[in-house]
């Protein structure tokens, strides 16, 4: 069989593995010309065919050129017009788009089953391709880019992406708990795409502790990568024991300037010394800018004493932390706030939501001397909320929390714990970790102190 075309790529790339795997399973011969990245794709003859200089790049035997992995993988999958027109994504006359990166070459083999056998199968295959890329693969790429210093590193963004990715992995794990393949009873393009993405995930972010929760996902990855026609393409899967962590680049030391020849020092005259001293004081140093919270009048409420009382005493009862609070709190110098996560519909597993609270508290580090918090997850998996209380310096919550990049993901409501019984019950429940809201009971929590 003559090759269907040439694929310019780096074979170890996720998208390249997917495209080459499609051809292997579909019985298509694909030419892989010698290609040097960041060199060949900058040459005029390459850019004449592929103006963006992006790989993988496909050049068909008939001169047809195409980029974007999914589009390549799906190319001319099925010659049956009834099938093509029943699924708009495959219909050349349709405006519907196939955005995933591995789709075009699968269409050259109508009997391979890589897109299923019905329009419904094809739609579900496309669904899982999009899901694997947008909910799992993209997060891995950005995290790896930050770890390699290709993207400016942000601890907050790293944590948020890892949590979002884990949510996607848990969804995938649940789906695979009752099936061998993602769609139907045989391997499809969805399986190949997802396995290509997972192979990088388990090497970068999904470490041993995470994989304990992903038994079916790991089984799925091993099943796909050990298919006889795919094993050589995927190669061995490397599993990391600990998720890769950011290591700041070492600063290069500037070469020391050559030593200046010693000059004979003359004893300065006293008048000259006086002149020098006067000159040194002509431009006074600018005072360091103070945090506005440091400019507030001194308070009788010592936040550090409160943190010790909360840590060492029972929360409720005689001589408890709450009794100490009511006896010592300064309503003019401090205030109490209810904090609620704005996007509770996105929460899934309780432990993931608890980790999110921990990440939020980590990003509040700059306000530790102005702030105390007790925030928890109420409810159960896929039906929970994040809420709690903050005790903070001053009467403006933003002044204490805006040091956290994600502070706007939460809403803040001032509480009157001395004059409003409902506010007082909420406050005490959050401190005692027995708070209940709309039938949702306290499941887990964290303190900022």
Protein backbone atom coordinates (compact mmCIF):
# COMPACT_ATOMS: atom_id res chain seq x y z
CA UNK A 1 0.00 0.00 0.00
CA UNK A 2 1.32 3.46 -0.87
CA UNK A 3 1.65 5.91 2.03
CA UNK A 4 -1.41 8.10 2.58
CA UNK A 5 0.94 11.02 3.14
CA UNK A 6 3.75 12.46 5.23
CA UNK A 7 3.55 13.48 8.87
CA UNK A 8 6.06 16.05 10.06
CA UNK A 9 6.26 15.63 13.82
CA UNK A 10 8.17 14.74 16.95
CA UNK A 11 7.04 11.11 17.48
CA UNK A 12 7.06 11.36 21.29
CA UNK A 13 4.52 14.22 21.33
CA UNK A 14 1.06 13.34 22.62
CA UNK A 15 -0.66 14.34 19.37
CA UNK A 16 1.92 12.50 17.24
CA UNK A 17 1.35 9.27 19.17
CA UNK A 18 -2.38 9.59 18.61
CA UNK A 19 -2.09 10.12 14.85
CA UNK A 20 0.47 7.31 14.36
CA UNK A 21 -1.68 4.99 16.49
CA UNK A 22 -4.74 5.73 14.35
CA UNK A 23 -2.81 4.73 11.23
CA UNK A 24 -1.47 1.59 12.89
CA UNK A 25 -4.92 0.37 13.92
CA UNK A 26 -6.52 1.43 10.64
CA UNK A 27 -3.90 -0.36 8.54
CA UNK A 28 -2.70 2.86 6.88
CA UNK A 29 0.90 3.46 5.88
CA UNK A 30 2.19 6.84 6.98
CA UNK A 31 5.57 8.29 6.01
CA UNK A 32 7.53 9.97 8.82
CA UNK A 33 10.21 12.08 7.10
CA UNK A 34 13.27 13.18 9.04
CA UNK A 35 12.29 16.35 10.88
CA UNK A 36 14.21 18.70 13.18
CA UNK A 37 11.98 20.85 15.35
CA UNK A 38 12.65 24.60 15.68
CA UNK A 39 14.74 24.32 12.53
CA UNK A 40 12.83 22.63 9.70
CA UNK A 41 9.56 24.34 10.62
CA UNK A 42 11.24 27.73 10.21
CA UNK A 43 12.38 27.01 6.65
CA UNK A 44 10.62 28.80 3.74
CA UNK A 45 9.63 25.54 2.01
CA UNK A 46 7.94 24.29 5.20
CA UNK A 47 6.18 27.61 5.86
CA UNK A 48 4.93 27.66 2.26
CA UNK A 49 2.89 24.54 3.07
CA UNK A 50 2.18 25.26 6.75
CA UNK A 51 2.29 29.05 7.34
CA UNK A 52 2.00 28.84 11.13
CA UNK A 53 5.01 26.52 11.37
CA UNK A 54 3.11 24.24 13.75
CA UNK A 55 3.39 20.47 14.12
CA UNK A 56 2.08 17.86 13.73
CA UNK A 57 1.65 18.77 10.06
CA UNK A 58 0.21 16.41 7.44
CA UNK A 59 0.90 16.46 3.70
CA UNK A 60 -1.33 14.04 1.78
CA UNK A 61 -0.22 12.02 -1.22
CA UNK A 62 -2.40 14.30 -3.35
CA UNK A 63 -0.72 17.46 -1.99
CA UNK A 64 -3.47 18.25 0.52
CA UNK A 65 -2.00 19.86 3.67
CA UNK A 66 -3.44 20.03 7.16
CA UNK A 67 -2.42 20.96 10.71
CA UNK A 68 -4.02 20.48 14.16
CA UNK A 69 -3.71 16.92 15.41
CA UNK A 70 -7.36 16.03 15.82
CA UNK A 71 -8.23 17.31 12.38
CA UNK A 72 -5.44 15.17 10.93
CA UNK A 73 -6.51 12.07 12.84
CA UNK A 74 -10.13 12.28 11.64
CA UNK A 75 -9.33 13.01 7.97
CA UNK A 76 -11.51 11.07 5.54
CA UNK A 77 -12.42 8.43 8.14
CA UNK A 78 -15.55 7.23 6.41
CA UNK A 79 -16.53 7.24 2.73
CA UNK A 80 -20.19 6.47 3.48
CA UNK A 81 -22.12 9.70 2.83
CA UNK A 82 -25.01 8.57 5.04
CA UNK A 83 -22.63 8.24 7.98
CA UNK A 84 -20.80 11.47 7.28
CA UNK A 85 -23.95 13.54 6.90
CA UNK A 86 -25.54 12.02 10.01
CA UNK A 87 -22.72 13.48 12.12
CA UNK A 88 -22.22 17.20 11.37
CA UNK A 89 -18.65 17.21 12.68
CA UNK A 90 -17.72 14.77 9.88
CA UNK A 91 -19.82 16.46 7.19
CA UNK A 92 -17.62 18.57 4.87
CA UNK A 93 -20.62 20.76 4.02
CA UNK A 94 -21.42 21.45 7.67
CA UNK A 95 -20.27 24.49 9.65
CA UNK A 96 -19.91 22.33 12.78
CA UNK A 97 -16.30 22.10 13.91
CA UNK A 98 -14.09 19.29 15.17
CA UNK A 99 -11.71 21.04 17.49
CA UNK A 100 -9.88 18.07 18.90
CA UNK A 101 -6.45 17.33 17.54
CA UNK A 102 -6.39 13.83 16.13
CA UNK A 103 -9.27 13.28 13.84
CA UNK A 104 -8.62 13.37 10.11
CA UNK A 105 -6.59 10.23 9.27
CA UNK A 106 -9.16 8.00 10.98
CA UNK A 107 -11.57 8.79 8.12
CA UNK A 108 -9.29 7.03 5.62
CA UNK A 109 -10.24 3.67 7.17
CA UNK A 110 -14.06 3.42 7.26
CA UNK A 111 -14.03 -0.13 8.62
CA UNK A 112 -11.62 0.38 11.51
CA UNK A 113 -14.35 1.38 13.99
CA UNK A 114 -12.17 4.14 15.44
CA UNK A 115 -15.15 6.51 15.49
CA UNK A 116 -17.70 3.89 16.42
CA UNK A 117 -20.34 2.47 14.14
CA UNK A 118 -23.18 4.97 14.56
CA UNK A 119 -23.56 8.74 14.62
CA UNK A 120 -24.27 8.48 18.37
CA UNK A 121 -20.99 6.60 18.90
CA UNK A 122 -19.14 9.23 16.90
CA UNK A 123 -20.61 12.02 19.02
CA UNK A 124 -19.58 10.29 22.26
CA UNK A 125 -16.09 9.61 20.90
CA UNK A 126 -15.76 13.32 20.11
CA UNK A 127 -17.10 14.16 23.58
CA UNK A 128 -14.37 12.16 25.34
CA UNK A 129 -11.65 13.56 23.08
CA UNK A 130 -12.69 17.09 24.03
CA UNK A 131 -13.01 16.13 27.70
CA UNK A 132 -9.55 14.54 27.89
CA UNK A 133 -7.92 17.51 26.23
CA UNK A 134 -9.72 20.36 28.02
CA UNK A 135 -10.20 18.89 31.50
CA UNK A 136 -6.96 16.91 31.85
CA UNK A 137 -4.41 17.56 29.11
CA UNK A 138 -4.42 21.36 29.06
CA UNK A 139 -3.80 21.55 32.81
CA UNK A 140 -0.83 19.18 32.54
CA UNK A 141 0.68 21.26 29.75
CA UNK A 142 0.48 24.53 31.69
CA UNK A 143 1.81 22.94 34.89
CA UNK A 144 4.73 21.36 33.03
CA UNK A 145 5.42 24.67 31.30
CA UNK A 146 5.67 26.43 34.67
CA UNK A 147 7.89 23.69 36.13
CA UNK A 148 10.24 24.02 33.14
CA UNK A 149 10.29 27.84 33.55
CA UNK A 150 8.76 28.22 30.09
CA UNK A 151 5.83 30.02 31.76
CA UNK A 152 6.20 32.34 34.80
CA UNK A 153 5.54 30.20 37.87
CA UNK A 154 2.59 30.86 40.17
CA UNK A 155 1.94 28.63 43.17
CA UNK A 156 -1.73 29.62 43.21
CA UNK A 157 -2.25 28.78 39.55
CA UNK A 158 -0.33 25.51 39.93
CA UNK A 159 -2.56 24.47 42.84
CA UNK A 160 -5.77 25.48 41.06
CA UNK A 161 -4.85 23.62 37.87
CA UNK A 162 -3.86 20.48 39.78
CA UNK A 163 -7.22 20.52 41.58
CA UNK A 164 -9.15 21.02 38.34
CA UNK A 165 -7.20 18.21 36.69
CA UNK A 166 -7.88 15.83 39.58
CA UNK A 167 -11.58 16.58 39.23
CA UNK A 168 -11.38 15.50 35.57
CA UNK A 169 -9.45 12.36 36.48
CA UNK A 170 -12.05 11.38 39.09
CA UNK A 171 -14.81 11.77 36.46
CA UNK A 172 -12.83 9.56 34.08
CA UNK A 173 -12.22 7.02 36.85
CA UNK A 174 -15.93 6.80 37.61
CA UNK A 175 -16.77 6.23 33.94
CA UNK A 176 -14.12 3.52 33.57
CA UNK A 177 -15.18 1.67 36.71
CA UNK A 178 -17.82 -0.23 34.69
CA UNK A 179 -16.17 -0.46 31.24
CA UNK A 180 -12.95 -1.41 29.50
CA UNK A 181 -13.09 1.27 26.82
CA UNK A 182 -14.58 4.75 26.84
CA UNK A 183 -17.11 4.11 24.05
CA UNK A 184 -18.53 0.69 23.22
CA UNK A 185 -16.69 -2.61 23.43
CA UNK A 186 -13.66 -1.89 21.25
CA UNK A 187 -10.88 0.66 21.04
CA UNK A 188 -11.75 4.05 19.50
CA UNK A 189 -10.03 7.33 18.84
CA UNK A 190 -11.25 8.51 22.26
CA UNK A 191 -9.22 5.76 23.96
CA UNK A 192 -6.08 6.55 21.96
CA UNK A 193 -6.32 10.29 22.64
CA UNK A 194 -7.02 9.86 26.34
CA UNK A 195 -4.21 7.32 26.82
CA UNK A 196 -1.75 9.66 25.08
CA UNK A 197 -2.70 12.41 27.54
CA UNK A 198 -2.69 10.12 30.58
CA UNK A 199 0.80 8.88 29.80
CA UNK A 200 2.14 12.37 30.43
CA UNK A 201 -0.17 12.99 33.41
CA UNK A 202 1.17 10.02 35.39
CA UNK A 203 4.72 11.19 34.73
CA UNK A 204 4.15 14.78 35.88
CA UNK A 205 1.21 15.32 38.24
CA UNK A 206 -0.61 12.08 39.09
CA UNK A 207 1.81 10.62 41.63
CA UNK A 208 1.51 7.45 43.71
CA UNK A 209 -0.88 9.02 46.25
CA UNK A 210 -3.20 10.23 43.48
CA UNK A 211 -3.05 6.96 41.53
CA UNK A 212 -4.41 5.08 44.54
CA UNK A 213 -7.73 6.78 43.69
CA UNK A 214 -7.37 6.00 39.96
CA UNK A 215 -7.17 2.21 39.83
CA UNK A 216 -9.45 1.86 36.80
CA UNK A 217 -7.79 4.74 34.98
CA UNK A 218 -4.34 3.17 35.36
CA UNK A 219 -5.75 -0.17 34.19
CA UNK A 220 -7.22 1.58 31.15
CA UNK A 221 -3.89 3.28 30.35
CA UNK A 222 -2.04 -0.04 30.55
CA UNK A 223 -4.65 -1.73 28.35
CA UNK A 224 -4.37 0.85 25.56
CA UNK A 225 -0.59 1.30 25.61
CA UNK A 226 -0.04 -2.47 25.50
CA UNK A 227 -2.19 -3.09 22.43
CA UNK A 228 0.08 -5.11 20.07
CA UNK A 229 -0.01 -2.46 17.33
CA UNK A 230 0.47 0.44 19.75
CA UNK A 231 3.06 -0.75 22.25
CA UNK A 232 6.06 0.37 20.19
CA UNK A 233 4.43 3.74 19.51
CA UNK A 234 3.64 4.59 23.12
CA UNK A 235 6.77 3.08 24.60
CA UNK A 236 7.13 2.42 28.33
CA UNK A 237 4.99 4.48 30.71
CA UNK A 238 6.93 6.29 33.42
CA UNK A 239 5.06 6.68 36.71
CA UNK A 240 6.25 9.40 39.06
CA UNK A 241 6.29 8.64 42.80
CA UNK A 242 5.92 12.31 43.72
CA UNK A 243 4.34 15.01 41.59
CA UNK A 244 7.01 17.20 40.04
CA UNK A 245 7.61 20.39 42.00
CA UNK A 246 8.84 23.81 40.99
CA UNK A 247 12.56 24.50 41.40
CA UNK A 248 13.49 28.17 40.90
CA UNK A 249 16.26 28.66 38.33
CA UNK A 250 19.68 29.35 39.81
CA UNK A 251 20.83 32.91 39.47
CA UNK A 252 24.12 33.26 37.70
CA UNK A 253 26.70 35.13 39.73
CA UNK A 254 28.00 38.21 38.01
CA UNK A 255 31.79 38.20 37.62
CA UNK A 256 33.50 40.22 40.30
CA UNK A 257 34.90 43.52 39.00
CA UNK A 258 38.70 43.73 38.92
CA UNK A 259 40.19 45.14 42.08
CA UNK A 260 41.01 48.80 41.75
CA UNK A 261 44.58 49.79 42.56
CA UNK A 262 44.95 51.03 46.09
CA UNK A 263 45.35 54.73 46.34
CA UNK A 264 47.23 56.43 49.04
CA UNK A 265 44.70 57.88 51.41
CA UNK A 266 45.21 61.37 52.66
CA UNK A 267 43.83 62.49 55.93
CA UNK A 268 40.89 64.77 55.06
CA UNK A 269 40.58 68.13 56.56
CA UNK A 270 37.92 68.61 59.18
CA UNK A 271 36.13 71.22 57.11
CA UNK A 272 35.95 68.77 54.22
CA UNK A 273 34.52 66.09 56.54
CA UNK A 274 31.79 68.46 57.60
CA UNK A 275 30.95 69.19 53.98
CA UNK A 276 30.73 65.47 53.19
CA UNK A 277 28.42 64.83 56.10
CA UNK A 278 26.16 67.64 54.99
CA UNK A 279 26.06 66.28 51.42
CA UNK A 280 25.12 62.82 52.65
CA UNK A 281 21.96 64.17 54.25
CA UNK A 282 20.78 66.22 51.29
CA UNK A 283 18.51 63.41 49.96
CA UNK A 284 16.75 61.60 52.81
CA UNK A 285 15.63 57.98 52.27
CA UNK A 286 11.96 57.51 51.41
CA UNK A 287 10.07 55.83 54.25
CA UNK A 288 8.76 52.33 53.48
CA UNK A 289 5.05 52.27 52.67
CA UNK A 290 3.03 50.86 55.54
CA UNK A 291 0.06 48.54 55.28
CA UNK A 292 -3.09 50.64 55.89
CA UNK A 293 -4.09 48.19 58.61
CA UNK A 294 -0.95 49.16 60.56
CA UNK A 295 -2.19 52.76 60.65
CA UNK A 296 -5.37 51.91 62.56
CA UNK A 297 -5.64 52.96 66.22
CA UNK A 298 -4.19 50.45 68.65
CA UNK A 299 -6.70 47.77 69.65
CA UNK A 300 -7.26 46.15 73.04
CA UNK A 301 -7.93 42.82 71.27
CA UNK A 302 -4.71 40.85 70.77
CA UNK A 303 -5.17 38.55 67.77
CA UNK A 304 -2.24 36.32 68.73
CA UNK A 305 -3.70 35.83 72.22
CA UNK A 306 -6.99 34.83 70.58
CA UNK A 307 -5.24 32.30 68.33
CA UNK A 308 -3.57 30.74 71.38
CA UNK A 309 -6.88 30.65 73.27
CA UNK A 310 -8.63 28.97 70.32
CA UNK A 311 -5.83 26.41 69.97
CA UNK A 312 -5.54 25.52 73.67
CA UNK A 313 -9.10 25.72 74.95
CA UNK A 314 -12.29 23.83 74.16
CA UNK A 315 -14.32 25.93 71.75
CA UNK A 316 -17.59 25.78 73.71
CA UNK A 317 -18.31 25.57 77.44
CA UNK A 318 -17.12 27.34 80.54
CA UNK A 319 -13.68 28.95 80.17
CA UNK A 320 -13.74 27.98 76.51
CA UNK A 321 -12.41 29.85 73.50
CA UNK A 322 -15.80 31.44 72.72
CA UNK A 323 -16.12 32.76 76.27
CA UNK A 324 -12.63 34.27 75.97
CA UNK A 325 -13.57 35.86 72.64
CA UNK A 326 -16.71 37.57 73.90
CA UNK A 327 -14.86 38.89 76.94
CA UNK A 328 -11.95 40.37 74.99
CA UNK A 329 -13.17 41.27 71.50
CA UNK A 330 -12.78 44.90 70.33
CA UNK A 331 -15.67 45.72 67.97
CA UNK A 332 -14.02 48.97 66.86
CA UNK A 333 -10.61 47.54 65.99
CA UNK A 334 -11.71 44.18 64.54
CA UNK A 335 -14.69 42.72 62.70
CA UNK A 336 -16.20 39.28 62.00
CA UNK A 337 -17.10 38.15 58.48
CA UNK A 338 -18.84 35.23 56.88
CA UNK A 339 -16.99 33.91 53.81
CA UNK A 340 -18.70 31.81 51.08
CA UNK A 341 -17.24 30.25 47.94
CA UNK A 342 -19.11 31.61 44.91
CA UNK A 343 -18.90 28.51 42.70
CA UNK A 344 -20.12 25.63 44.87
CA UNK A 345 -21.63 23.91 41.83
CA UNK A 346 -18.07 23.15 40.71
CA UNK A 347 -17.17 21.28 43.91
CA UNK A 348 -16.87 17.49 43.72
CA UNK A 349 -14.91 15.46 46.27
CA UNK A 350 -14.77 16.71 49.87
CA UNK A 351 -11.00 16.24 50.16
CA UNK A 352 -10.47 18.31 47.00
CA UNK A 353 -12.60 21.13 48.39
CA UNK A 354 -10.67 20.98 51.66
CA UNK A 355 -7.43 21.26 49.70
CA UNK A 356 -8.87 24.31 47.95
CA UNK A 357 -9.42 25.99 51.33
CA UNK A 358 -5.82 25.18 52.25
CA UNK A 359 -4.62 26.77 49.03
CA UNK A 360 -6.68 29.89 49.71
CA UNK A 361 -5.22 30.16 53.20
CA UNK A 362 -1.69 29.72 51.85
CA UNK A 363 -2.24 32.68 49.56
CA UNK A 364 -3.37 34.79 52.55
CA UNK A 365 0.04 34.41 54.21
CA UNK A 366 0.86 38.13 53.87
CA UNK A 367 -2.13 38.93 56.13
CA UNK A 368 -1.41 36.40 58.87
CA UNK A 369 -0.93 39.06 61.55
CA UNK A 370 -4.26 40.69 60.64
CA UNK A 371 -6.45 37.64 60.20
CA UNK A 372 -7.91 34.46 61.72
CA UNK A 373 -10.11 32.03 59.82
CA UNK A 374 -12.18 28.90 60.29
CA UNK A 375 -13.61 27.65 56.99
CA UNK A 376 -15.05 24.24 56.14
CA UNK A 377 -16.65 21.97 53.59
CA UNK A 378 -20.30 21.23 54.40
CA UNK A 379 -22.15 18.36 52.75
CA UNK A 380 -20.90 15.37 50.77
CA UNK A 381 -19.28 14.58 47.42
CA UNK A 382 -20.93 16.44 44.52
CA UNK A 383 -23.31 18.19 46.93
CA UNK A 384 -21.23 20.47 49.14
CA UNK A 385 -20.47 24.10 49.90
CA UNK A 386 -17.47 25.99 51.27
CA UNK A 387 -18.27 28.49 54.01
CA UNK A 388 -16.92 29.77 57.33
CA UNK A 389 -15.83 32.86 59.23
CA UNK A 390 -12.94 35.31 59.34
CA UNK A 391 -11.91 37.56 62.22
CA UNK A 392 -9.90 40.42 60.78
CA UNK A 393 -8.32 43.75 61.62
CA UNK A 394 -10.39 46.82 60.83
CA UNK A 395 -13.86 47.09 59.31
CA UNK A 396 -13.05 46.42 55.64
CA UNK A 397 -12.62 42.79 54.62
CA UNK A 398 -10.87 43.57 51.33
CA UNK A 399 -7.93 45.23 53.06
CA UNK A 400 -7.10 41.92 54.75
CA UNK A 401 -7.84 39.41 51.97
CA UNK A 402 -6.87 41.08 48.69
CA UNK A 403 -3.31 39.75 49.01
CA UNK A 404 -4.73 36.41 47.78
CA UNK A 405 -5.05 36.38 43.96
CA UNK A 406 -8.29 34.39 44.17
CA UNK A 407 -9.98 36.43 46.92
CA UNK A 408 -12.75 37.47 44.52
CA UNK A 409 -13.82 33.81 44.20
CA UNK A 410 -15.40 34.25 47.64
CA UNK A 411 -18.11 36.57 48.96
CA UNK A 412 -17.77 38.33 52.33
CA UNK A 413 -20.68 39.27 54.62
CA UNK A 414 -20.15 41.19 57.86
CA UNK A 415 -21.60 39.49 60.94
CA UNK A 416 -22.97 41.06 64.13
CA UNK A 417 -22.18 38.32 66.64
CA UNK A 418 -23.20 40.48 69.60
CA UNK A 419 -26.55 41.80 68.36
CA UNK A 420 -27.85 39.18 65.90
CA UNK A 421 -28.62 35.68 67.19
CA UNK A 422 -28.52 34.07 63.72
CA UNK A 423 -25.08 35.54 63.03
CA UNK A 424 -23.89 34.38 66.46
CA UNK A 425 -25.05 30.79 65.85
CA UNK A 426 -23.29 30.71 62.48
CA UNK A 427 -20.09 32.15 63.96
CA UNK A 428 -19.97 29.70 66.86
CA UNK A 429 -20.75 26.73 64.62
CA UNK A 430 -17.91 27.61 62.25
CA UNK A 431 -15.45 27.89 65.15
CA UNK A 432 -16.66 24.66 66.77
CA UNK A 433 -16.74 22.79 63.41
CA UNK A 434 -20.33 21.67 63.98
CA UNK A 435 -21.94 24.21 61.63
CA UNK A 436 -24.92 23.06 59.55
CA UNK A 437 -26.33 25.06 56.61
CA UNK A 438 -29.45 24.03 54.68
CA UNK A 439 -29.15 20.44 55.87
CA UNK A 440 -25.46 20.22 54.94
CA UNK A 441 -23.29 19.22 57.89
CA UNK A 442 -19.64 20.09 58.49
CA UNK A 443 -17.50 17.44 56.76
CA UNK A 444 -13.96 18.89 56.90
CA UNK A 445 -12.29 22.20 57.58
CA UNK A 446 -9.15 24.23 58.07
CA UNK A 447 -8.02 27.06 60.31
CA UNK A 448 -5.92 30.07 59.42
CA UNK A 449 -4.06 31.19 62.51
